[in-house]
C-alpha cells in the first residue's frame, strides 16, 4: 500500500482543502514539478495514487450492488455547504440560524476539536463502507476513528431516539441506490467549516449510487425545520482508493493546529 500525502497530516480542519473532491480543484502537491509515475494520479491530499479502476459497478453474490471499499470524497462541499447544492436547490436559513452563522469562530468548530463531523460533512481522509447481513457500517479514518451503523433489517426508528452525533440510521435499496434515512441527531456538529448550524429536528436522506467501478454519486437531502425554511439537497461524488486501507489516525494526539485557528468560521482558503 502506498499512501503518500501531499502535506503533513495535522488537524483535518486545516488540511481539508484537498477533500473537496467534486467541488474544487485539488491543491497542487509539493512535488508538482516532479514527474508523475505512469498510471498514478493525485487525489486531494494524496499523491501518486493508482488511478480509479474502470468498468461496470460490481455486485455481491446475491445481486445487491457492492459499495464496499475505501473511498475519498462525500456528498457535499464541506468548506461551505451552500456551494455543494444540487442544481436548482436553495439553502434558506431561518433568521436565528443566519445570525448564529455570523458569530461562529474557527476555533469553536467541533471538527477542529476532534469531534465527529456529522452528516453530510466529511473529512479529507478516506472512509470505508462494509456490508454485512442486516447491517452496514461506514468507518472513518479521520478525526476520532468514528463509525456509523445502518440497519438494513427493516426496523423502524425508535419513537424517542437519544440525540447522537450520527443519529439513528435505517437503510434500504431503491434499484441500484442505497437510501439511508437518519433521525435522532444532536445539534452539536456543524455542516461545514463556515459554521452552518442545525437543530435536533434534523432529518437526512442519503442516496449512494456506485456509477461504475471507481466512482460513487452521493446526494443528501437535509430537512431541518428548526433552522431552514425548506429542505434542500446537496450533491457530491466519491472516488475509490484502489489498493489502500484505512490508517490509524488519532486527532487528539499532537493536535497543534487548534491554537493557530482564529477569526470567523470559514472554509479552507478563507473564502
Protein backbone atom coordinates (compact mmCIF):
# COMPACT_ATOMS: atom_id res chain seq x y z
CA UNK A 1 0.00 0.00 0.00
CA UNK A 2 1.40 3.40 -0.98
CA UNK A 3 -0.37 6.38 0.56
CA UNK A 4 1.82 9.44 0.01
CA UNK A 5 0.30 12.60 1.44
CA UNK A 6 0.92 15.96 -0.16
CA UNK A 7 1.20 17.78 3.16
CA UNK A 8 1.84 16.75 6.72
CA UNK A 9 -1.14 15.18 8.42
CA UNK A 10 -2.28 17.64 11.09
CA UNK A 11 -5.78 18.50 12.09
CA UNK A 12 -8.41 17.76 9.46
CA UNK A 13 -9.79 21.29 9.63
CA UNK A 14 -6.56 22.78 8.32
CA UNK A 15 -5.88 20.09 5.73
CA UNK A 16 -9.36 19.96 4.32
CA UNK A 17 -8.71 21.96 1.17
CA UNK A 18 -7.83 18.72 -0.55
CA UNK A 19 -11.04 16.97 0.39
CA UNK A 20 -13.35 18.94 -1.89
CA UNK A 21 -13.02 16.23 -4.49
CA UNK A 22 -16.04 17.03 -6.61
CA UNK A 23 -16.40 20.71 -5.91
CA UNK A 24 -12.98 22.39 -6.21
CA UNK A 25 -9.65 21.53 -7.83
CA UNK A 26 -7.19 19.70 -5.60
CA UNK A 27 -4.29 21.84 -4.38
CA UNK A 28 -1.01 21.42 -6.20
CA UNK A 29 1.11 18.82 -4.39
CA UNK A 30 4.54 19.74 -3.12
CA UNK A 31 6.22 17.64 -5.76
CA UNK A 32 4.22 19.25 -8.58
CA UNK A 33 7.41 19.87 -10.51
CA UNK A 34 8.43 16.22 -10.42
CA UNK A 35 7.32 13.64 -12.92
CA UNK A 36 4.13 11.72 -12.14
CA UNK A 37 4.65 7.95 -12.21
CA UNK A 38 2.73 6.35 -15.04
CA UNK A 39 -0.69 5.05 -14.06
CA UNK A 40 -0.98 7.22 -10.94
CA UNK A 41 -2.77 10.44 -10.05
CA UNK A 42 -3.02 12.96 -7.19
CA UNK A 43 -6.28 12.90 -5.21
CA UNK A 44 -6.80 15.66 -2.68
CA UNK A 45 -4.06 15.26 -0.07
CA UNK A 46 -2.81 12.00 -1.58
CA UNK A 47 -0.06 11.83 -4.18
CA UNK A 48 0.80 9.12 -6.68
CA UNK A 49 -2.32 7.06 -6.10
CA UNK A 50 -3.40 4.34 -8.55
CA UNK A 51 -5.97 5.64 -10.97
CA UNK A 52 -9.57 4.70 -10.25
CA UNK A 53 -10.40 1.30 -11.77
CA UNK A 54 -12.70 1.31 -14.76
CA UNK A 55 -15.54 -0.98 -15.69
CA UNK A 56 -19.09 -1.62 -14.53
CA UNK A 57 -20.11 -1.30 -10.89
CA UNK A 58 -19.76 -4.67 -9.14
CA UNK A 59 -22.47 -6.66 -7.38
CA UNK A 60 -22.46 -9.07 -4.47
CA UNK A 61 -23.32 -12.73 -4.94
CA UNK A 62 -27.00 -12.05 -4.15
CA UNK A 63 -27.20 -9.32 -6.81
CA UNK A 64 -27.02 -6.42 -4.35
CA UNK A 65 -24.84 -3.52 -5.53
CA UNK A 66 -21.39 -3.78 -3.94
CA UNK A 67 -20.45 -0.46 -2.36
CA UNK A 68 -17.60 -1.87 -0.30
CA UNK A 69 -14.13 -0.41 -0.44
CA UNK A 70 -12.14 2.61 0.70
CA UNK A 71 -13.49 5.89 -0.70
CA UNK A 72 -12.44 9.53 -0.75
CA UNK A 73 -14.97 12.32 -1.19
CA UNK A 74 -18.52 12.91 0.01
CA UNK A 75 -21.98 14.24 -0.54
CA UNK A 76 -21.42 17.95 -0.16
CA UNK A 77 -18.91 20.78 -0.08
CA UNK A 78 -17.54 20.63 3.44
CA UNK A 79 -15.99 24.09 3.12
CA UNK A 80 -19.42 25.72 2.64
CA UNK A 81 -22.49 23.54 2.20
CA UNK A 82 -24.22 26.26 0.18
CA UNK A 83 -21.62 25.70 -2.57
CA UNK A 84 -22.42 21.99 -2.78
CA UNK A 85 -26.12 22.17 -3.58
CA UNK A 86 -27.75 20.07 -6.26
CA UNK A 87 -28.62 22.26 -9.28
CA UNK A 88 -31.87 24.13 -8.71
CA UNK A 89 -31.71 23.83 -4.90
CA UNK A 90 -31.58 26.74 -2.45
CA UNK A 91 -30.44 26.96 1.15
CA UNK A 92 -32.77 29.33 3.04
CA UNK A 93 -31.91 29.81 6.70
CA UNK A 94 -34.25 30.95 9.45
CA UNK A 95 -33.23 34.33 10.93
CA UNK A 96 -31.83 32.92 14.18
CA UNK A 97 -29.65 30.42 12.29
CA UNK A 98 -28.36 33.10 9.91
CA UNK A 99 -27.47 35.30 12.88
CA UNK A 100 -25.68 32.43 14.63
CA UNK A 101 -23.66 31.67 11.49
CA UNK A 102 -22.23 35.20 11.53
CA UNK A 103 -20.90 34.81 15.09
CA UNK A 104 -19.14 31.45 14.81
CA UNK A 105 -15.35 31.27 15.17
CA UNK A 106 -12.96 28.81 13.56
CA UNK A 107 -11.57 27.66 16.91
CA UNK A 108 -15.09 26.68 18.02
CA UNK A 109 -15.56 24.21 15.16
CA UNK A 110 -16.34 20.80 16.72
CA UNK A 111 -14.46 19.04 13.91
CA UNK A 112 -11.37 21.13 14.69
CA UNK A 113 -11.68 19.94 18.28
CA UNK A 114 -11.57 16.26 17.23
CA UNK A 115 -15.32 15.70 17.44
CA UNK A 116 -17.39 13.89 14.77
CA UNK A 117 -18.18 15.72 11.54
CA UNK A 118 -21.81 14.55 11.32
CA UNK A 119 -23.79 14.36 8.07
CA UNK A 120 -23.20 15.33 5.25
CA UNK A 121 -19.87 16.90 6.21
CA UNK A 122 -16.86 14.71 5.63
CA UNK A 123 -13.12 14.98 6.11
CA UNK A 124 -10.09 14.98 3.83
CA UNK A 125 -9.36 11.40 4.83
CA UNK A 126 -10.73 8.13 3.40
CA UNK A 127 -13.67 6.14 4.69
CA UNK A 128 -14.90 2.60 4.16
CA UNK A 129 -18.30 1.00 3.56
CA UNK A 130 -18.64 -2.54 4.95
CA UNK A 131 -21.77 -4.53 4.02
CA UNK A 132 -22.80 -7.36 6.34
CA UNK A 133 -26.15 -9.18 6.62
CA UNK A 134 -28.71 -6.90 8.25
CA UNK A 135 -26.35 -4.02 8.97
CA UNK A 136 -23.94 -1.85 7.00
CA UNK A 137 -21.08 0.15 8.52
CA UNK A 138 -19.31 3.32 7.46
CA UNK A 139 -15.85 3.54 9.05
CA UNK A 140 -13.95 6.83 9.12
CA UNK A 141 -10.17 7.10 9.11
CA UNK A 142 -10.13 10.74 10.12
CA UNK A 143 -10.72 12.54 13.38
CA UNK A 144 -11.68 10.05 16.11
CA UNK A 145 -11.91 6.84 14.06
CA UNK A 146 -15.68 7.07 14.40
CA UNK A 147 -18.22 4.87 12.64
CA UNK A 148 -21.84 4.74 11.58
CA UNK A 149 -24.16 1.74 11.58
CA UNK A 150 -27.03 1.50 9.11
CA UNK A 151 -29.72 -1.02 9.97
CA UNK A 152 -30.86 -2.93 6.88
CA UNK A 153 -33.17 -5.42 8.63
CA UNK A 154 -36.41 -3.48 8.19
CA UNK A 155 -36.56 -1.98 11.66
CA UNK A 156 -38.08 1.45 12.27
CA UNK A 157 -36.54 4.43 14.01
CA UNK A 158 -37.16 4.49 17.78
CA UNK A 159 -40.01 6.73 18.86
CA UNK A 160 -37.73 8.89 21.00
CA UNK A 161 -34.09 8.33 19.97
CA UNK A 162 -31.30 9.63 22.17
CA UNK A 163 -29.65 12.51 20.28
CA UNK A 164 -26.24 11.49 18.90
CA UNK A 165 -23.61 12.82 16.50
CA UNK A 166 -24.56 10.43 13.68
CA UNK A 167 -28.18 9.79 14.61
CA UNK A 168 -30.14 6.57 14.08
CA UNK A 169 -29.91 5.25 10.50
CA UNK A 170 -32.02 2.75 8.60
CA UNK A 171 -31.38 1.75 5.02
CA UNK A 172 -32.99 0.11 2.01
CA UNK A 173 -32.32 -0.31 -1.69
CA UNK A 174 -34.11 1.54 -4.45
CA UNK A 175 -32.82 -0.18 -7.55
CA UNK A 176 -29.06 0.39 -7.64
CA UNK A 177 -29.17 3.13 -4.99
CA UNK A 178 -28.66 2.69 -1.26
CA UNK A 179 -31.03 5.03 0.60
CA UNK A 180 -30.16 5.86 4.22
CA UNK A 181 -32.74 7.61 6.40
CA UNK A 182 -31.40 9.18 9.60
CA UNK A 183 -33.03 10.96 12.54
CA UNK A 184 -32.10 11.45 16.19
CA UNK A 185 -29.23 13.90 15.76
CA UNK A 186 -27.83 16.17 18.41
CA UNK A 187 -27.34 19.84 17.48
CA UNK A 188 -23.59 19.96 18.12
CA UNK A 189 -21.87 19.40 14.78
CA UNK A 190 -21.53 21.97 12.01
CA UNK A 191 -22.50 21.24 8.41
CA UNK A 192 -19.23 22.78 7.17
CA UNK A 193 -16.20 24.89 8.08
CA UNK A 194 -18.30 28.01 7.55
CA UNK A 195 -20.40 27.01 10.56
CA UNK A 196 -23.87 26.35 9.12
CA UNK A 197 -25.92 25.10 12.10
CA UNK A 198 -28.78 22.67 12.56
CA UNK A 199 -31.16 21.55 15.31
CA UNK A 200 -32.28 18.23 16.76
CA UNK A 201 -35.16 18.32 14.26
CA UNK A 202 -32.66 17.41 11.52
CA UNK A 203 -33.67 14.55 9.22
CA UNK A 204 -31.36 13.43 6.41
CA UNK A 205 -31.89 11.10 3.47
CA UNK A 206 -28.69 9.97 1.74
CA UNK A 207 -28.56 8.28 -1.65
CA UNK A 208 -25.42 6.34 -2.63
CA UNK A 209 -25.11 5.09 -6.22
CA UNK A 210 -21.97 3.37 -7.47
CA UNK A 211 -21.97 4.61 -11.03
CA UNK A 212 -19.02 2.48 -12.13
CA UNK A 213 -16.15 0.50 -10.62
CA UNK A 214 -14.29 3.55 -9.35
CA UNK A 215 -16.95 6.22 -8.75
CA UNK A 216 -19.92 6.86 -6.46
CA UNK A 217 -22.56 9.59 -6.67
CA UNK A 218 -23.89 10.82 -3.32
CA UNK A 219 -26.91 13.03 -2.72
CA UNK A 220 -28.09 14.16 0.71
CA UNK A 221 -31.48 15.75 1.36
CA UNK A 222 -31.48 17.87 4.52
CA UNK A 223 -34.77 18.63 6.23
CA UNK A 224 -34.45 20.72 9.39
CA UNK A 225 -37.49 22.93 10.01
CA UNK A 226 -35.80 24.23 13.15
CA UNK A 227 -33.08 26.04 11.18
CA UNK A 228 -34.05 26.13 7.48
CA UNK A 229 -37.15 27.38 5.73
CA UNK A 230 -37.38 24.33 3.47
CA UNK A 231 -35.49 21.12 2.71
CA UNK A 232 -32.53 21.22 0.33
CA UNK A 233 -30.33 18.62 -1.36
CA UNK A 234 -26.57 18.50 -1.74
CA UNK A 235 -24.66 16.57 -4.38
CA UNK A 236 -21.14 15.20 -4.48
CA UNK A 237 -19.01 12.28 -5.54
CA UNK A 238 -16.56 9.84 -4.03
CA UNK A 239 -13.69 8.01 -5.70
CA UNK A 240 -12.45 4.52 -4.91
CA UNK A 241 -8.99 4.49 -3.33
CA UNK A 242 -7.76 1.35 -5.04
CA UNK A 243 -5.23 -0.83 -3.24
CA UNK A 244 -5.30 1.05 0.05
CA UNK A 245 -6.59 0.50 3.59
CA UNK A 246 -7.64 2.83 6.37
CA UNK A 247 -4.74 4.01 8.51
CA UNK A 248 -4.75 4.76 12.21
CA UNK A 249 -5.09 8.48 12.74
CA UNK A 250 -5.85 9.88 16.21
CA UNK A 251 -6.84 13.53 16.03
CA UNK A 252 -6.32 14.08 19.77
CA UNK A 253 -2.60 13.27 19.51
CA UNK A 254 -0.43 16.34 18.93
CA UNK A 255 -3.40 18.48 17.94
CA UNK A 256 -1.19 21.53 17.49
CA UNK A 257 -3.18 23.34 14.83
CA UNK A 258 -6.10 24.38 17.03
CA UNK A 259 -4.00 27.10 18.66
CA UNK A 260 -3.45 28.66 15.24
CA UNK A 261 -7.14 28.90 14.35
CA UNK A 262 -8.71 32.30 14.93
CA UNK A 263 -11.22 34.64 13.41
CA UNK A 264 -14.61 33.98 11.81
CA UNK A 265 -15.52 30.46 10.78
CA UNK A 266 -14.62 29.89 7.16
CA UNK A 267 -13.56 27.20 4.78
CA UNK A 268 -10.03 26.40 3.62
CA UNK A 269 -8.55 29.32 1.72
CA UNK A 270 -10.54 31.84 3.72
CA UNK A 271 -13.41 32.16 1.26
